[in-house]
Every structure is written in structure tokens, then in C-alpha cells.
mmCIF file of all heavy atoms, coordinates in Angstrom:
data_MODEL
# 
_entry.id   MODEL 
# 
loop_
_atom_site.group_PDB 
_atom_site.id 
_atom_site.type_symbol 
_atom_site.label_atom_id 
_atom_site.label_alt_id 
_atom_site.label_comp_id 
_atom_site.label_asym_id 
_atom_site.label_entity_id 
_atom_site.label_seq_id 
_atom_site.pdbx_PDB_ins_code 
_atom_site.Cartn_x 
_atom_site.Cartn_y 
_atom_site.Cartn_z 
_atom_site.occupancy 
_atom_site.B_iso_or_equiv 
_atom_site.pdbx_formal_charge 
_atom_site.auth_seq_id 
_atom_site.auth_comp_id 
_atom_site.auth_asym_id 
_atom_site.auth_atom_id 
_atom_site.pdbx_PDB_model_num 
ATOM 1   N N   . ILE A 1 1  ? 96.802 94.748  98.876  1.00 0.00 ? 1  ILE A N   1 
ATOM 2   C CA  . ILE A 1 1  ? 96.418 95.861  99.734  1.00 0.00 ? 1  ILE A CA  1 
ATOM 3   C C   . ILE A 1 1  ? 94.919 96.088  99.626  1.00 0.00 ? 1  ILE A C   1 
ATOM 4   O O   . ILE A 1 1  ? 94.301 95.844  98.599  1.00 0.00 ? 1  ILE A O   1 
ATOM 5   C CB  . ILE A 1 1  ? 97.186 97.163  99.406  1.00 0.00 ? 1  ILE A CB  1 
ATOM 6   C CG1 . ILE A 1 1  ? 97.047 97.552  97.947  1.00 0.00 ? 1  ILE A CG1 1 
ATOM 7   C CG2 . ILE A 1 1  ? 98.642 97.048  99.804  1.00 0.00 ? 1  ILE A CG2 1 
ATOM 8   C CD1 . ILE A 1 1  ? 97.657 98.907  97.613  1.00 0.00 ? 1  ILE A CD1 1 
ATOM 9   N N   . VAL A 1 2  ? 94.373 96.534  100.739 1.00 0.00 ? 2  VAL A N   1 
ATOM 10  C CA  . VAL A 1 2  ? 92.960 96.913  100.805 1.00 0.00 ? 2  VAL A CA  1 
ATOM 11  C C   . VAL A 1 2  ? 92.936 98.431  100.680 1.00 0.00 ? 2  VAL A C   1 
ATOM 12  O O   . VAL A 1 2  ? 93.546 99.134  101.481 1.00 0.00 ? 2  VAL A O   1 
ATOM 13  C CB  . VAL A 1 2  ? 92.329 96.455  102.135 1.00 0.00 ? 2  VAL A CB  1 
ATOM 14  C CG1 . VAL A 1 2  ? 90.863 96.874  102.189 1.00 0.00 ? 2  VAL A CG1 1 
ATOM 15  C CG2 . VAL A 1 2  ? 92.479 94.956  102.324 1.00 0.00 ? 2  VAL A CG2 1 
ATOM 16  N N   . ARG A 1 3  ? 92.257 98.919  99.654  1.00 0.00 ? 3  ARG A N   1 
ATOM 17  C CA  . ARG A 1 3  ? 92.190 100.365 99.381  1.00 0.00 ? 3  ARG A CA  1 
ATOM 18  C C   . ARG A 1 3  ? 90.929 101.012 99.933  1.00 0.00 ? 3  ARG A C   1 
ATOM 19  O O   . ARG A 1 3  ? 90.951 102.143 100.386 1.00 0.00 ? 3  ARG A O   1 
ATOM 20  C CB  . ARG A 1 3  ? 92.239 100.612 97.880  1.00 0.00 ? 3  ARG A CB  1 
ATOM 21  C CG  . ARG A 1 3  ? 93.567 100.321 97.271  1.00 0.00 ? 3  ARG A CG  1 
ATOM 22  C CD  . ARG A 1 3  ? 94.096 101.554 96.587  1.00 0.00 ? 3  ARG A CD  1 
ATOM 23  N NE  . ARG A 1 3  ? 95.382 101.281 96.011  1.00 0.00 ? 3  ARG A NE  1 
ATOM 24  C CZ  . ARG A 1 3  ? 96.489 101.871 96.415  1.00 0.00 ? 3  ARG A CZ  1 
ATOM 25  N NH1 . ARG A 1 3  ? 96.445 102.739 97.379  1.00 0.00 ? 3  ARG A NH1 1 
ATOM 26  N NH2 . ARG A 1 3  ? 97.633 101.597 95.845  1.00 0.00 ? 3  ARG A NH2 1 
ATOM 27  N N   . SER A 1 4  ? 89.806 100.312 99.861  1.00 0.00 ? 4  SER A N   1 
ATOM 28  C CA  . SER A 1 4  ? 88.564 100.878 100.376 1.00 0.00 ? 4  SER A CA  1 
ATOM 29  C C   . SER A 1 4  ? 87.703 99.760  100.932 1.00 0.00 ? 4  SER A C   1 
ATOM 30  O O   . SER A 1 4  ? 87.814 98.602  100.529 1.00 0.00 ? 4  SER A O   1 
ATOM 31  C CB  . SER A 1 4  ? 87.818 101.667 99.294  1.00 0.00 ? 4  SER A CB  1 
ATOM 32  O OG  . SER A 1 4  ? 87.438 100.835 98.240  1.00 0.00 ? 4  SER A OG  1 
ATOM 33  N N   . ILE A 1 5  ? 86.855 100.139 101.879 1.00 0.00 ? 5  ILE A N   1 
ATOM 34  C CA  . ILE A 1 5  ? 85.992 99.170  102.553 1.00 0.00 ? 5  ILE A CA  1 
ATOM 35  C C   . ILE A 1 5  ? 84.578 99.738  102.644 1.00 0.00 ? 5  ILE A C   1 
ATOM 36  O O   . ILE A 1 5  ? 84.384 100.950 102.597 1.00 0.00 ? 5  ILE A O   1 
ATOM 37  C CB  . ILE A 1 5  ? 86.522 98.806  103.959 1.00 0.00 ? 5  ILE A CB  1 
ATOM 38  C CG1 . ILE A 1 5  ? 86.578 100.021 104.883 1.00 0.00 ? 5  ILE A CG1 1 
ATOM 39  C CG2 . ILE A 1 5  ? 87.884 98.128  103.864 1.00 0.00 ? 5  ILE A CG2 1 
ATOM 40  C CD1 . ILE A 1 5  ? 86.997 99.703  106.317 1.00 0.00 ? 5  ILE A CD1 1 
ATOM 41  N N   . PRO A 1 6  ? 83.584 98.860  102.768 1.00 0.00 ? 6  PRO A N   1 
ATOM 42  C CA  . PRO A 1 6  ? 82.206 99.344  102.925 1.00 0.00 ? 6  PRO A CA  1 
ATOM 43  C C   . PRO A 1 6  ? 82.044 99.988  104.306 1.00 0.00 ? 6  PRO A C   1 
ATOM 44  O O   . PRO A 1 6  ? 82.786 99.679  105.247 1.00 0.00 ? 6  PRO A O   1 
ATOM 45  C CB  . PRO A 1 6  ? 81.365 98.080  102.797 1.00 0.00 ? 6  PRO A CB  1 
ATOM 46  C CG  . PRO A 1 6  ? 82.286 96.969  103.151 1.00 0.00 ? 6  PRO A CG  1 
ATOM 47  C CD  . PRO A 1 6  ? 83.663 97.408  102.759 1.00 0.00 ? 6  PRO A CD  1 
ATOM 48  N N   . VAL A 1 7  ? 81.070 100.854 104.426 1.00 0.00 ? 7  VAL A N   1 
ATOM 49  C CA  . VAL A 1 7  ? 80.863 101.559 105.692 1.00 0.00 ? 7  VAL A CA  1 
ATOM 50  C C   . VAL A 1 7  ? 80.510 100.615 106.844 1.00 0.00 ? 7  VAL A C   1 
ATOM 51  O O   . VAL A 1 7  ? 80.764 100.926 107.997 1.00 0.00 ? 7  VAL A O   1 
ATOM 52  C CB  . VAL A 1 7  ? 79.789 102.661 105.564 1.00 0.00 ? 7  VAL A CB  1 
ATOM 53  C CG1 . VAL A 1 7  ? 80.256 103.751 104.634 1.00 0.00 ? 7  VAL A CG1 1 
ATOM 54  C CG2 . VAL A 1 7  ? 78.461 102.103 105.113 1.00 0.00 ? 7  VAL A CG2 1 
ATOM 55  N N   . TRP A 1 8  ? 79.963 99.451  106.541 1.00 0.00 ? 8  TRP A N   1 
ATOM 56  C CA  . TRP A 1 8  ? 79.562 98.524  107.603 1.00 0.00 ? 8  TRP A CA  1 
ATOM 57  C C   . TRP A 1 8  ? 80.724 97.706  108.154 1.00 0.00 ? 8  TRP A C   1 
ATOM 58  O O   . TRP A 1 8  ? 80.573 96.994  109.133 1.00 0.00 ? 8  TRP A O   1 
ATOM 59  C CB  . TRP A 1 8  ? 78.439 97.597  107.134 1.00 0.00 ? 8  TRP A CB  1 
ATOM 60  C CG  . TRP A 1 8  ? 78.703 96.869  105.860 1.00 0.00 ? 8  TRP A CG  1 
ATOM 61  C CD1 . TRP A 1 8  ? 78.300 97.246  104.610 1.00 0.00 ? 8  TRP A CD1 1 
ATOM 62  C CD2 . TRP A 1 8  ? 79.421 95.642  105.676 1.00 0.00 ? 8  TRP A CD2 1 
ATOM 63  N NE1 . TRP A 1 8  ? 78.727 96.337  103.680 1.00 0.00 ? 8  TRP A NE1 1 
ATOM 64  C CE2 . TRP A 1 8  ? 79.418 95.336  104.308 1.00 0.00 ? 8  TRP A CE2 1 
ATOM 65  C CE3 . TRP A 1 8  ? 80.067 94.773  106.549 1.00 0.00 ? 8  TRP A CE3 1 
ATOM 66  C CZ2 . TRP A 1 8  ? 80.033 94.215  103.784 1.00 0.00 ? 8  TRP A CZ2 1 
ATOM 67  C CZ3 . TRP A 1 8  ? 80.685 93.644  106.026 1.00 0.00 ? 8  TRP A CZ3 1 
ATOM 68  C CH2 . TRP A 1 8  ? 80.662 93.382  104.660 1.00 0.00 ? 8  TRP A CH2 1 
ATOM 69  N N   . LEU A 1 9  ? 81.891 97.796  107.565 1.00 0.00 ? 9  LEU A N   1 
ATOM 70  C CA  . LEU A 1 9  ? 83.042 97.006  108.003 1.00 0.00 ? 9  LEU A CA  1 
ATOM 71  C C   . LEU A 1 9  ? 83.910 97.834  108.936 1.00 0.00 ? 9  LEU A C   1 
ATOM 72  O O   . LEU A 1 9  ? 84.294 98.950  108.610 1.00 0.00 ? 9  LEU A O   1 
ATOM 73  C CB  . LEU A 1 9  ? 83.849 96.546  106.785 1.00 0.00 ? 9  LEU A CB  1 
ATOM 74  C CG  . LEU A 1 9  ? 85.053 95.659  107.032 1.00 0.00 ? 9  LEU A CG  1 
ATOM 75  C CD1 . LEU A 1 9  ? 84.654 94.354  107.705 1.00 0.00 ? 9  LEU A CD1 1 
ATOM 76  C CD2 . LEU A 1 9  ? 85.755 95.352  105.717 1.00 0.00 ? 9  LEU A CD2 1 
ATOM 77  N N   . ASN A 1 10 ? 84.228 97.275  110.092 1.00 0.00 ? 10 ASN A N   1 
ATOM 78  C CA  . ASN A 1 10 ? 85.054 97.955  111.079 1.00 0.00 ? 10 ASN A CA  1 
ATOM 79  C C   . ASN A 1 10 ? 86.521 97.836  110.673 1.00 0.00 ? 10 ASN A C   1 
ATOM 80  O O   . ASN A 1 10 ? 87.057 96.739  110.578 1.00 0.00 ? 10 ASN A O   1 
ATOM 81  C CB  . ASN A 1 10 ? 84.814 97.333  112.455 1.00 0.00 ? 10 ASN A CB  1 
ATOM 82  C CG  . ASN A 1 10 ? 85.573 98.026  113.549 1.00 0.00 ? 10 ASN A CG  1 
ATOM 83  O OD1 . ASN A 1 10 ? 86.525 98.759  113.319 1.00 0.00 ? 10 ASN A OD1 1 
ATOM 84  N ND2 . ASN A 1 10 ? 85.142 97.797  114.771 1.00 0.00 ? 10 ASN A ND2 1 
ATOM 85  N N   . GLN A 1 11 ? 87.173 98.956  110.465 1.00 0.00 ? 11 GLN A N   1 
ATOM 86  C CA  . GLN A 1 11 ? 88.564 98.971  110.014 1.00 0.00 ? 11 GLN A CA  1 
ATOM 87  C C   . GLN A 1 11 ? 89.499 98.309  111.030 1.00 0.00 ? 11 GLN A C   1 
ATOM 88  O O   . GLN A 1 11 ? 90.498 97.714  110.649 1.00 0.00 ? 11 GLN A O   1 
ATOM 89  C CB  . GLN A 1 11 ? 89.001 100.414 109.749 1.00 0.00 ? 11 GLN A CB  1 
ATOM 90  C CG  . GLN A 1 11 ? 90.401 100.530 109.189 1.00 0.00 ? 11 GLN A CG  1 
ATOM 91  C CD  . GLN A 1 11 ? 90.785 101.961 108.876 1.00 0.00 ? 11 GLN A CD  1 
ATOM 92  O OE1 . GLN A 1 11 ? 89.951 102.846 108.829 1.00 0.00 ? 11 GLN A OE1 1 
ATOM 93  N NE2 . GLN A 1 11 ? 92.056 102.179 108.668 1.00 0.00 ? 11 GLN A NE2 1 
ATOM 94  N N   . ASN A 1 12 ? 89.181 98.376  112.306 1.00 0.00 ? 12 ASN A N   1 
ATOM 95  C CA  . ASN A 1 12 ? 90.045 97.797  113.340 1.00 0.00 ? 12 ASN A CA  1 
ATOM 96  C C   . ASN A 1 12 ? 90.159 96.279  113.225 1.00 0.00 ? 12 ASN A C   1 
ATOM 97  O O   . ASN A 1 12 ? 91.156 95.704  113.638 1.00 0.00 ? 12 ASN A O   1 
ATOM 98  C CB  . ASN A 1 12 ? 89.548 98.175  114.733 1.00 0.00 ? 12 ASN A CB  1 
ATOM 99  C CG  . ASN A 1 12 ? 89.616 99.660  114.966 1.00 0.00 ? 12 ASN A CG  1 
ATOM 100 O OD1 . ASN A 1 12 ? 90.431 100.355 114.374 1.00 0.00 ? 12 ASN A OD1 1 
ATOM 101 N ND2 . ASN A 1 12 ? 88.730 100.159 115.813 1.00 0.00 ? 12 ASN A ND2 1 
ATOM 102 N N   . ASP A 1 13 ? 89.141 95.629  112.707 1.00 0.00 ? 13 ASP A N   1 
ATOM 103 C CA  . ASP A 1 13 ? 89.136 94.172  112.577 1.00 0.00 ? 13 ASP A CA  1 
ATOM 104 C C   . ASP A 1 13 ? 89.552 93.706  111.187 1.00 0.00 ? 13 ASP A C   1 
ATOM 105 O O   . ASP A 1 13 ? 89.491 92.523  110.888 1.00 0.00 ? 13 ASP A O   1 
ATOM 106 C CB  . ASP A 1 13 ? 87.713 93.631  112.829 1.00 0.00 ? 13 ASP A CB  1 
ATOM 107 C CG  . ASP A 1 13 ? 87.245 93.879  114.239 1.00 0.00 ? 13 ASP A CG  1 
ATOM 108 O OD1 . ASP A 1 13 ? 88.095 93.973  115.135 1.00 0.00 ? 13 ASP A OD1 1 
ATOM 109 O OD2 . ASP A 1 13 ? 86.023 93.979  114.442 1.00 0.00 ? 13 ASP A OD2 1 
ATOM 110 N N   . LEU A 1 14 ? 89.963 94.614  110.339 1.00 0.00 ? 14 LEU A N   1 
ATOM 111 C CA  . LEU A 1 14 ? 90.132 94.315  108.925 1.00 0.00 ? 14 LEU A CA  1 
ATOM 112 C C   . LEU A 1 14 ? 91.132 93.192  108.645 1.00 0.00 ? 14 LEU A C   1 
ATOM 113 O O   . LEU A 1 14 ? 90.823 92.268  107.892 1.00 0.00 ? 14 LEU A O   1 
ATOM 114 C CB  . LEU A 1 14 ? 90.532 95.579  108.157 1.00 0.00 ? 14 LEU A CB  1 
ATOM 115 C CG  . LEU A 1 14 ? 90.588 95.446  106.643 1.00 0.00 ? 14 LEU A CG  1 
ATOM 116 C CD1 . LEU A 1 14 ? 89.229 95.048  106.080 1.00 0.00 ? 14 LEU A CD1 1 
ATOM 117 C CD2 . LEU A 1 14 ? 91.056 96.748  106.017 1.00 0.00 ? 14 LEU A CD2 1 
ATOM 118 N N   . THR A 1 15 ? 92.309 93.232  109.238 1.00 0.00 ? 15 THR A N   1 
ATOM 119 C CA  . THR A 1 15 ? 93.330 92.220  108.944 1.00 0.00 ? 15 THR A CA  1 
ATOM 120 C C   . THR A 1 15 ? 92.852 90.825  109.346 1.00 0.00 ? 15 THR A C   1 
ATOM 121 O O   . THR A 1 15 ? 92.937 89.881  108.557 1.00 0.00 ? 15 THR A O   1 
ATOM 122 C CB  . THR A 1 15 ? 94.659 92.563  109.641 1.00 0.00 ? 15 THR A CB  1 
ATOM 123 O OG1 . THR A 1 15 ? 95.079 93.853  109.192 1.00 0.00 ? 15 THR A OG1 1 
ATOM 124 C CG2 . THR A 1 15 ? 95.738 91.547  109.309 1.00 0.00 ? 15 THR A CG2 1 
ATOM 125 N N   . HIS A 1 16 ? 92.339 90.698  110.556 1.00 0.00 ? 16 HIS A N   1 
ATOM 126 C CA  . HIS A 1 16 ? 91.842 89.404  111.032 1.00 0.00 ? 16 HIS A CA  1 
ATOM 127 C C   . HIS A 1 16 ? 90.655 88.934  110.196 1.00 0.00 ? 16 HIS A C   1 
ATOM 128 O O   . HIS A 1 16 ? 90.552 87.770  109.810 1.00 0.00 ? 16 HIS A O   1 
ATOM 129 C CB  . HIS A 1 16 ? 91.477 89.501  112.511 1.00 0.00 ? 16 HIS A CB  1 
ATOM 130 C CG  . HIS A 1 16 ? 91.188 88.192  113.140 1.00 0.00 ? 16 HIS A CG  1 
ATOM 131 N ND1 . HIS A 1 16 ? 89.937 87.846  113.571 1.00 0.00 ? 16 HIS A ND1 1 
ATOM 132 C CD2 . HIS A 1 16 ? 91.980 87.117  113.390 1.00 0.00 ? 16 HIS A CD2 1 
ATOM 133 C CE1 . HIS A 1 16 ? 89.964 86.624  114.059 1.00 0.00 ? 16 HIS A CE1 1 
ATOM 134 N NE2 . HIS A 1 16 ? 91.183 86.163  113.966 1.00 0.00 ? 16 HIS A NE2 1 
ATOM 135 N N   . PHE A 1 17 ? 89.768 89.858  109.895 1.00 0.00 ? 17 PHE A N   1 
ATOM 136 C CA  . PHE A 1 17 ? 88.603 89.563  109.073 1.00 0.00 ? 17 PHE A CA  1 
ATOM 137 C C   . PHE A 1 17 ? 89.023 89.056  107.693 1.00 0.00 ? 17 PHE A C   1 
ATOM 138 O O   . PHE A 1 17 ? 88.538 88.035  107.206 1.00 0.00 ? 17 PHE A O   1 
ATOM 139 C CB  . PHE A 1 17 ? 87.742 90.827  108.946 1.00 0.00 ? 17 PHE A CB  1 
ATOM 140 C CG  . PHE A 1 17 ? 86.659 90.734  107.917 1.00 0.00 ? 17 PHE A CG  1 
ATOM 141 C CD1 . PHE A 1 17 ? 85.521 89.981  108.152 1.00 0.00 ? 17 PHE A CD1 1 
ATOM 142 C CD2 . PHE A 1 17 ? 86.773 91.401  106.710 1.00 0.00 ? 17 PHE A CD2 1 
ATOM 143 C CE1 . PHE A 1 17 ? 84.513 89.898  107.204 1.00 0.00 ? 17 PHE A CE1 1 
ATOM 144 C CE2 . PHE A 1 17 ? 85.776 91.326  105.760 1.00 0.00 ? 17 PHE A CE2 1 
ATOM 145 C CZ  . PHE A 1 17 ? 84.645 90.571  106.015 1.00 0.00 ? 17 PHE A CZ  1 
ATOM 146 N N   . MET A 1 18 ? 89.958 89.753  107.052 1.00 0.00 ? 18 MET A N   1 
ATOM 147 C CA  . MET A 1 18 ? 90.404 89.357  105.715 1.00 0.00 ? 18 MET A CA  1 
ATOM 148 C C   . MET A 1 18 ? 91.094 87.995  105.751 1.00 0.00 ? 18 MET A C   1 
ATOM 149 O O   . MET A 1 18 ? 90.949 87.201  104.829 1.00 0.00 ? 18 MET A O   1 
ATOM 150 C CB  . MET A 1 18 ? 91.339 90.419  105.116 1.00 0.00 ? 18 MET A CB  1 
ATOM 151 C CG  . MET A 1 18 ? 90.641 91.733  104.778 1.00 0.00 ? 18 MET A CG  1 
ATOM 152 S SD  . MET A 1 18 ? 89.277 91.564  103.600 1.00 0.00 ? 18 MET A SD  1 
ATOM 153 C CE  . MET A 1 18 ? 90.165 91.090  102.118 1.00 0.00 ? 18 MET A CE  1 
ATOM 154 N N   . GLN A 1 19 ? 91.825 87.711  106.823 1.00 0.00 ? 19 GLN A N   1 
ATOM 155 C CA  . GLN A 1 19 ? 92.479 86.402  106.943 1.00 0.00 ? 19 GLN A CA  1 
ATOM 156 C C   . GLN A 1 19 ? 91.420 85.291  107.028 1.00 0.00 ? 19 GLN A C   1 
ATOM 157 O O   . GLN A 1 19 ? 91.541 84.265  106.366 1.00 0.00 ? 19 GLN A O   1 
ATOM 158 C CB  . GLN A 1 19 ? 93.397 86.372  108.168 1.00 0.00 ? 19 GLN A CB  1 
ATOM 159 C CG  . GLN A 1 19 ? 94.243 85.124  108.252 1.00 0.00 ? 19 GLN A CG  1 
ATOM 160 C CD  . GLN A 1 19 ? 95.204 84.999  107.075 1.00 0.00 ? 19 GLN A CD  1 
ATOM 161 O OE1 . GLN A 1 19 ? 95.933 85.922  106.760 1.00 0.00 ? 19 GLN A OE1 1 
ATOM 162 N NE2 . GLN A 1 19 ? 95.187 83.857  106.409 1.00 0.00 ? 19 GLN A NE2 1 
ATOM 163 N N   . ASP A 1 20 ? 90.384 85.514  107.804 1.00 0.00 ? 20 ASP A N   1 
ATOM 164 C CA  . ASP A 1 20 ? 89.297 84.531  107.910 1.00 0.00 ? 20 ASP A CA  1 
ATOM 165 C C   . ASP A 1 20 ? 88.633 84.293  106.556 1.00 0.00 ? 20 ASP A C   1 
ATOM 166 O O   . ASP A 1 20 ? 88.348 83.158  106.178 1.00 0.00 ? 20 ASP A O   1 
ATOM 167 C CB  . ASP A 1 20 ? 88.234 84.988  108.916 1.00 0.00 ? 20 ASP A CB  1 
ATOM 168 C CG  . ASP A 1 20 ? 88.679 84.873  110.352 1.00 0.00 ? 20 ASP A CG  1 
ATOM 169 O OD1 . ASP A 1 20 ? 89.752 84.284  110.613 1.00 0.00 ? 20 ASP A OD1 1 
ATOM 170 O OD2 . ASP A 1 20 ? 87.955 85.388  111.232 1.00 0.00 ? 20 ASP A OD2 1 
ATOM 171 N N   . VAL A 1 21 ? 88.379 85.370  105.827 1.00 0.00 ? 21 VAL A N   1 
ATOM 172 C CA  . VAL A 1 21 ? 87.728 85.254  104.522 1.00 0.00 ? 21 VAL A CA  1 
ATOM 173 C C   . VAL A 1 21 ? 88.648 84.548  103.521 1.00 0.00 ? 21 VAL A C   1 
ATOM 174 O O   . VAL A 1 21 ? 88.203 83.691  102.754 1.00 0.00 ? 21 VAL A O   1 
ATOM 175 C CB  . VAL A 1 21 ? 87.291 86.646  104.010 1.00 0.00 ? 21 VAL A CB  1 
ATOM 176 C CG1 . VAL A 1 21 ? 86.766 86.564  102.589 1.00 0.00 ? 21 VAL A CG1 1 
ATOM 177 C CG2 . VAL A 1 21 ? 86.233 87.236  104.930 1.00 0.00 ? 21 VAL A CG2 1 
ATOM 178 N N   . MET A 1 22 ? 89.934 84.886  103.546 1.00 0.00 ? 22 MET A N   1 
ATOM 179 C CA  . MET A 1 22 ? 90.897 84.212  102.653 1.00 0.00 ? 22 MET A CA  1 
ATOM 180 C C   . MET A 1 22 ? 90.954 82.720  102.942 1.00 0.00 ? 22 MET A C   1 
ATOM 181 O O   . MET A 1 22 ? 90.980 81.904  102.023 1.00 0.00 ? 22 MET A O   1 
ATOM 182 C CB  . MET A 1 22 ? 92.315 84.787  102.838 1.00 0.00 ? 22 MET A CB  1 
ATOM 183 C CG  . MET A 1 22 ? 92.619 85.973  101.990 1.00 0.00 ? 22 MET A CG  1 
ATOM 184 S SD  . MET A 1 22 ? 94.384 86.404  102.005 1.00 0.00 ? 22 MET A SD  1 
ATOM 185 C CE  . MET A 1 22 ? 94.801 86.436  103.729 1.00 0.00 ? 22 MET A CE  1 
ATOM 186 N N   . ASP A 1 23 ? 90.987 82.361  104.227 1.00 0.00 ? 23 ASP A N   1 
ATOM 187 C CA  . ASP A 1 23 ? 91.028 80.943  104.599 1.00 0.00 ? 23 ASP A CA  1 
ATOM 188 C C   . ASP A 1 23 ? 89.810 80.213  104.056 1.00 0.00 ? 23 ASP A C   1 
ATOM 189 O O   . ASP A 1 23 ? 89.918 79.110  103.521 1.00 0.00 ? 23 ASP A O   1 
ATOM 190 C CB  . ASP A 1 23 ? 91.117 80.778  106.116 1.00 0.00 ? 23 ASP A CB  1 
ATOM 191 C CG  . ASP A 1 23 ? 92.443 81.236  106.687 1.00 0.00 ? 23 ASP A CG  1 
ATOM 192 O OD1 . ASP A 1 23 ? 93.410 81.417  105.901 1.00 0.00 ? 23 ASP A OD1 1 
ATOM 193 O OD2 . ASP A 1 23 ? 92.522 81.428  107.916 1.00 0.00 ? 23 ASP A OD2 1 
ATOM 194 N N   . ARG A 1 24 ? 88.651 80.825  104.204 1.00 0.00 ? 24 ARG A N   1 
ATOM 195 C CA  . ARG A 1 24 ? 87.416 80.225  103.695 1.00 0.00 ? 24 ARG A CA  1 
ATOM 196 C C   . ARG A 1 24 ? 87.485 80.070  102.173 1.00 0.00 ? 24 ARG A C   1 
ATOM 197 O O   . ARG A 1 24 ? 87.132 79.038  101.618 1.00 0.00 ? 24 ARG A O   1 
ATOM 198 C CB  . ARG A 1 24 ? 86.213 81.081  104.103 1.00 0.00 ? 24 ARG A CB  1 
ATOM 199 C CG  . ARG A 1 24 ? 84.911 80.721  103.455 1.00 0.00 ? 24 ARG A CG  1 
ATOM 200 C CD  . ARG A 1 24 ? 84.409 79.373  103.942 1.00 0.00 ? 24 ARG A CD  1 
ATOM 201 N NE  . ARG A 1 24 ? 83.278 78.956  103.174 1.00 0.00 ? 24 ARG A NE  1 
ATOM 202 C CZ  . ARG A 1 24 ? 82.094 78.691  103.677 1.00 0.00 ? 24 ARG A CZ  1 
ATOM 203 N NH1 . ARG A 1 24 ? 81.898 78.761  104.961 1.00 0.00 ? 24 ARG A NH1 1 
ATOM 204 N NH2 . ARG A 1 24 ? 81.114 78.310  102.906 1.00 0.00 ? 24 ARG A NH2 1 
# 
């Protein structure tokens, strides 16, 4: 689970963004 995010990260894109980062 993601509990907190930096202010510069858009919460709406979080799941897709995290998947891209995990793949990398």
C-alpha cells in the first residue's frame, strides 16, 4: 500500500505510475 506521496506527484496517476516504476 501507498500511504503518503510527495506533493509533486499526482494522486490520479499513482497506480499506473507505480506500475511503471515497479517494472523498471
